[in-house]
């Protein structure tokens, strides 16, 4: 949440729109009127992925996943269910 009256760079405004879009596209969002019903959890999870990938520097992402490659024995090219480490951590 960002209060009114702050001087926000246009790039940040664009990022905020990008970050909240998955929540707004979740069918459970219902324009923000989800109280008493299902919450937009899938949209929130997707938004968190987007925020994580765009807000962290590449060195930070590498540190969070310990490696940028693949987990041992589970090469992503061998099966659709095999994820890269970054995908698994998100």
N, C-alpha and C. Protein backbone atom coordinates (compact mmCIF):
# COMPACT_ATOMS: atom_id res chain seq x y z
N UNK A 1 0.85 -1.17 0.00
CA UNK A 1 0.00 0.00 0.00
C UNK A 1 0.90 1.23 0.00
N UNK A 2 0.59 2.17 -0.87
CA UNK A 2 1.34 3.41 -0.94
C UNK A 2 0.36 4.56 -0.75
N UNK A 3 0.66 5.40 0.21
CA UNK A 3 -0.22 6.52 0.51
C UNK A 3 -0.13 7.62 -0.53
N UNK A 4 -1.15 8.46 -0.61
CA UNK A 4 -1.15 9.55 -1.58
C UNK A 4 -0.12 10.62 -1.22
N UNK A 5 0.26 11.40 -2.22
CA UNK A 5 1.15 12.53 -1.99
C UNK A 5 2.62 12.21 -2.10
N UNK A 6 2.95 10.96 -2.37
CA UNK A 6 4.36 10.60 -2.50
C UNK A 6 4.80 10.81 -3.94
N UNK A 7 6.02 11.24 -4.10
CA UNK A 7 6.59 11.42 -5.43
C UNK A 7 7.14 10.08 -5.89
N UNK A 8 6.42 9.43 -6.80
CA UNK A 8 6.80 8.09 -7.24
C UNK A 8 7.25 8.16 -8.69
N UNK A 9 8.40 7.57 -8.98
CA UNK A 9 8.94 7.54 -10.33
C UNK A 9 7.99 6.74 -11.23
N UNK A 10 7.78 7.18 -12.47
CA UNK A 10 6.89 6.46 -13.38
C UNK A 10 7.24 4.99 -13.56
N UNK A 11 8.52 4.65 -13.53
CA UNK A 11 8.93 3.25 -13.64
C UNK A 11 8.36 2.43 -12.49
N UNK A 12 8.38 3.00 -11.29
CA UNK A 12 7.85 2.30 -10.12
C UNK A 12 6.34 2.13 -10.25
N UNK A 13 5.66 3.13 -10.77
CA UNK A 13 4.22 3.01 -10.99
C UNK A 13 3.94 1.86 -11.95
N UNK A 14 4.74 1.72 -12.99
CA UNK A 14 4.59 0.61 -13.92
C UNK A 14 4.83 -0.73 -13.25
N UNK A 15 5.86 -0.80 -12.39
CA UNK A 15 6.13 -2.04 -11.66
C UNK A 15 4.98 -2.39 -10.72
N UNK A 16 4.43 -1.40 -10.04
CA UNK A 16 3.31 -1.66 -9.14
C UNK A 16 2.13 -2.26 -9.89
N UNK A 17 1.87 -1.73 -11.09
CA UNK A 17 0.79 -2.26 -11.91
C UNK A 17 1.08 -3.71 -12.30
N UNK A 18 2.32 -3.97 -12.70
CA UNK A 18 2.73 -5.33 -13.06
C UNK A 18 2.61 -6.27 -11.86
N UNK A 19 3.01 -5.81 -10.70
CA UNK A 19 2.98 -6.64 -9.50
C UNK A 19 1.56 -6.98 -9.05
N UNK A 20 0.62 -6.07 -9.22
CA UNK A 20 -0.74 -6.35 -8.73
C UNK A 20 -1.63 -7.02 -9.77
N UNK A 21 -1.19 -7.07 -11.02
CA UNK A 21 -2.01 -7.64 -12.07
C UNK A 21 -2.41 -9.10 -11.81
N UNK A 22 -1.50 -9.98 -11.38
CA UNK A 22 -1.93 -11.37 -11.13
C UNK A 22 -3.05 -11.47 -10.09
N UNK A 23 -3.02 -10.59 -9.10
CA UNK A 23 -4.07 -10.62 -8.08
C UNK A 23 -5.40 -10.19 -8.70
N UNK A 24 -5.36 -9.13 -9.49
CA UNK A 24 -6.59 -8.65 -10.12
C UNK A 24 -7.16 -9.64 -11.14
N UNK A 25 -6.30 -10.46 -11.74
CA UNK A 25 -6.76 -11.44 -12.72
C UNK A 25 -7.27 -12.74 -12.08
N UNK A 26 -6.99 -12.92 -10.80
CA UNK A 26 -7.47 -14.11 -10.10
C UNK A 26 -9.00 -14.02 -10.00
N UNK A 27 -9.72 -15.08 -10.41
CA UNK A 27 -11.19 -15.04 -10.34
C UNK A 27 -11.73 -14.77 -8.94
N UNK A 28 -10.95 -15.07 -7.91
CA UNK A 28 -11.41 -14.83 -6.54
C UNK A 28 -11.19 -13.39 -6.08
N UNK A 29 -10.57 -12.55 -6.90
CA UNK A 29 -10.34 -11.16 -6.54
C UNK A 29 -11.66 -10.41 -6.42
N UNK A 30 -12.53 -10.56 -7.40
CA UNK A 30 -13.87 -9.95 -7.39
C UNK A 30 -13.82 -8.47 -7.05
N UNK A 31 -12.86 -7.77 -7.67
CA UNK A 31 -12.74 -6.33 -7.45
C UNK A 31 -12.34 -5.96 -6.04
N UNK A 32 -11.75 -6.89 -5.32
CA UNK A 32 -11.34 -6.64 -3.94
C UNK A 32 -12.40 -7.02 -2.92
N UNK A 33 -13.58 -7.44 -3.39
CA UNK A 33 -14.66 -7.82 -2.49
C UNK A 33 -14.68 -9.33 -2.30
N UNK A 34 -13.63 -9.85 -1.69
CA UNK A 34 -13.53 -11.30 -1.50
C UNK A 34 -13.75 -11.70 -0.06
N UNK A 35 -14.14 -10.76 0.76
CA UNK A 35 -14.38 -11.07 2.17
C UNK A 35 -15.58 -12.00 2.30
N UNK A 36 -15.40 -13.04 3.10
CA UNK A 36 -16.46 -14.02 3.28
C UNK A 36 -16.45 -15.10 2.21
N UNK A 37 -15.57 -15.01 1.25
CA UNK A 37 -15.48 -15.99 0.17
C UNK A 37 -14.04 -16.44 0.01
N UNK A 38 -13.80 -17.11 -1.10
CA UNK A 38 -12.44 -17.58 -1.38
C UNK A 38 -11.52 -16.39 -1.63
N UNK A 39 -10.31 -16.47 -1.14
CA UNK A 39 -9.33 -15.40 -1.31
C UNK A 39 -8.54 -15.62 -2.59
N UNK A 40 -7.96 -14.57 -3.16
CA UNK A 40 -7.20 -14.70 -4.41
C UNK A 40 -5.78 -15.23 -4.17
N UNK A 41 -5.70 -16.41 -3.56
CA UNK A 41 -4.40 -16.96 -3.17
C UNK A 41 -3.50 -17.28 -4.36
N UNK A 42 -4.05 -17.80 -5.45
CA UNK A 42 -3.23 -18.11 -6.62
C UNK A 42 -2.66 -16.83 -7.22
N UNK A 43 -3.49 -15.80 -7.33
CA UNK A 43 -3.01 -14.51 -7.84
C UNK A 43 -1.95 -13.91 -6.94
N UNK A 44 -2.14 -14.04 -5.64
CA UNK A 44 -1.16 -13.53 -4.68
C UNK A 44 0.17 -14.27 -4.83
N UNK A 45 0.11 -15.59 -5.01
CA UNK A 45 1.34 -16.38 -5.20
C UNK A 45 2.07 -15.96 -6.47
N UNK A 46 1.32 -15.74 -7.55
CA UNK A 46 1.93 -15.32 -8.81
C UNK A 46 2.51 -13.90 -8.68
N UNK A 47 1.81 -13.03 -7.97
CA UNK A 47 2.30 -11.67 -7.76
C UNK A 47 3.60 -11.70 -6.95
N UNK A 48 3.67 -12.56 -5.95
CA UNK A 48 4.88 -12.66 -5.14
C UNK A 48 6.06 -13.14 -5.98
N UNK A 49 5.81 -14.07 -6.90
CA UNK A 49 6.88 -14.51 -7.82
C UNK A 49 7.39 -13.33 -8.63
N UNK A 50 6.47 -12.54 -9.16
CA UNK A 50 6.84 -11.40 -9.99
C UNK A 50 7.63 -10.37 -9.19
N UNK A 51 7.17 -10.07 -7.99
CA UNK A 51 7.87 -9.12 -7.14
C UNK A 51 9.27 -9.64 -6.82
N UNK A 52 9.38 -10.92 -6.48
CA UNK A 52 10.66 -11.51 -6.14
C UNK A 52 11.65 -11.42 -7.30
N UNK A 53 11.18 -11.75 -8.50
CA UNK A 53 12.08 -11.73 -9.66
C UNK A 53 12.46 -10.32 -10.08
N UNK A 54 11.57 -9.36 -9.94
CA UNK A 54 11.87 -8.01 -10.40
C UNK A 54 12.51 -7.13 -9.34
N UNK A 55 12.32 -7.45 -8.08
CA UNK A 55 12.86 -6.60 -7.01
C UNK A 55 14.26 -7.02 -6.57
N UNK A 56 14.62 -8.27 -6.78
CA UNK A 56 15.94 -8.74 -6.38
C UNK A 56 16.93 -8.58 -7.52
N UNK A 57 18.11 -8.15 -7.19
CA UNK A 57 19.20 -8.12 -8.17
C UNK A 57 19.57 -9.57 -8.49
N UNK A 58 20.13 -9.80 -9.66
CA UNK A 58 20.47 -11.17 -10.05
C UNK A 58 21.38 -11.85 -9.03
N UNK A 59 22.27 -11.10 -8.41
CA UNK A 59 23.13 -11.69 -7.38
C UNK A 59 22.32 -12.14 -6.18
N UNK A 60 21.28 -11.39 -5.85
CA UNK A 60 20.39 -11.77 -4.75
C UNK A 60 19.61 -13.03 -5.07
N UNK A 61 19.14 -13.13 -6.31
CA UNK A 61 18.43 -14.35 -6.71
C UNK A 61 19.36 -15.56 -6.64
N UNK A 62 20.59 -15.36 -7.08
CA UNK A 62 21.57 -16.47 -7.04
C UNK A 62 21.81 -16.89 -5.59
N UNK A 63 21.92 -15.92 -4.70
CA UNK A 63 22.15 -16.23 -3.29
C UNK A 63 20.95 -16.96 -2.69
N UNK A 64 19.74 -16.53 -3.05
CA UNK A 64 18.52 -17.16 -2.52
C UNK A 64 18.38 -18.61 -2.95
N UNK A 65 18.87 -18.94 -4.13
CA UNK A 65 18.71 -20.30 -4.64
C UNK A 65 19.98 -21.12 -4.52
N UNK A 66 21.05 -20.52 -4.08
CA UNK A 66 22.36 -21.15 -3.91
C UNK A 66 23.02 -21.50 -5.24
N UNK A 67 22.25 -21.60 -6.28
CA UNK A 67 22.79 -21.88 -7.61
C UNK A 67 21.76 -21.42 -8.63
N UNK A 68 22.21 -21.14 -9.82
CA UNK A 68 21.26 -20.72 -10.84
C UNK A 68 20.91 -21.87 -11.78
N UNK A 69 21.48 -23.02 -11.53
CA UNK A 69 21.31 -24.14 -12.44
C UNK A 69 20.23 -25.11 -12.04
N UNK A 70 20.54 -26.36 -12.24
CA UNK A 70 19.57 -27.41 -12.01
C UNK A 70 19.93 -28.23 -10.80
N UNK A 71 18.95 -28.82 -10.14
CA UNK A 71 19.26 -29.71 -9.02
C UNK A 71 19.87 -31.01 -9.55
N UNK A 72 20.73 -31.62 -8.79
CA UNK A 72 21.39 -32.86 -9.21
C UNK A 72 20.35 -33.96 -9.47
N UNK A 73 20.52 -34.65 -10.60
CA UNK A 73 19.67 -35.79 -10.90
C UNK A 73 18.29 -35.45 -11.44
N UNK A 74 17.98 -34.18 -11.60
CA UNK A 74 16.65 -33.79 -12.05
C UNK A 74 16.78 -32.74 -13.15
N UNK A 75 17.46 -33.07 -14.21
CA UNK A 75 17.67 -32.14 -15.31
C UNK A 75 16.34 -31.69 -15.87
N UNK A 76 16.07 -30.38 -15.90
CA UNK A 76 14.79 -29.88 -16.40
C UNK A 76 14.46 -30.33 -17.83
N UNK A 77 15.47 -30.56 -18.65
CA UNK A 77 15.22 -31.00 -20.02
C UNK A 77 14.75 -32.44 -20.12
N UNK A 78 14.91 -33.22 -19.05
CA UNK A 78 14.52 -34.63 -19.08
C UNK A 78 13.03 -34.86 -18.85
N UNK A 79 12.38 -33.96 -18.14
CA UNK A 79 10.95 -34.13 -17.85
C UNK A 79 10.34 -32.78 -17.52
N UNK A 80 9.10 -32.59 -17.91
CA UNK A 80 8.41 -31.32 -17.68
C UNK A 80 8.28 -31.00 -16.19
N UNK A 81 8.23 -32.01 -15.34
CA UNK A 81 8.09 -31.77 -13.91
C UNK A 81 9.38 -31.41 -13.21
N UNK A 82 10.51 -31.55 -13.91
CA UNK A 82 11.80 -31.20 -13.32
C UNK A 82 12.01 -29.70 -13.46
N UNK A 83 12.21 -29.04 -12.37
CA UNK A 83 12.33 -27.58 -12.35
C UNK A 83 13.77 -27.14 -12.16
N UNK A 84 14.09 -25.97 -12.70
CA UNK A 84 15.34 -25.32 -12.33
C UNK A 84 15.24 -24.90 -10.88
N UNK A 85 16.35 -24.70 -10.22
CA UNK A 85 16.37 -24.35 -8.80
C UNK A 85 15.55 -23.07 -8.56
N UNK A 86 15.71 -22.07 -9.42
CA UNK A 86 14.96 -20.81 -9.23
C UNK A 86 13.45 -21.04 -9.31
N UNK A 87 13.01 -21.91 -10.22
CA UNK A 87 11.58 -22.20 -10.34
C UNK A 87 11.07 -22.90 -9.08
N UNK A 88 11.85 -23.83 -8.59
CA UNK A 88 11.46 -24.57 -7.39
C UNK A 88 11.39 -23.67 -6.18
N UNK A 89 12.32 -22.72 -6.07
CA UNK A 89 12.32 -21.84 -4.91
C UNK A 89 11.17 -20.84 -4.95
N UNK A 90 10.75 -20.46 -6.15
CA UNK A 90 9.62 -19.54 -6.26
C UNK A 90 8.33 -20.24 -5.92
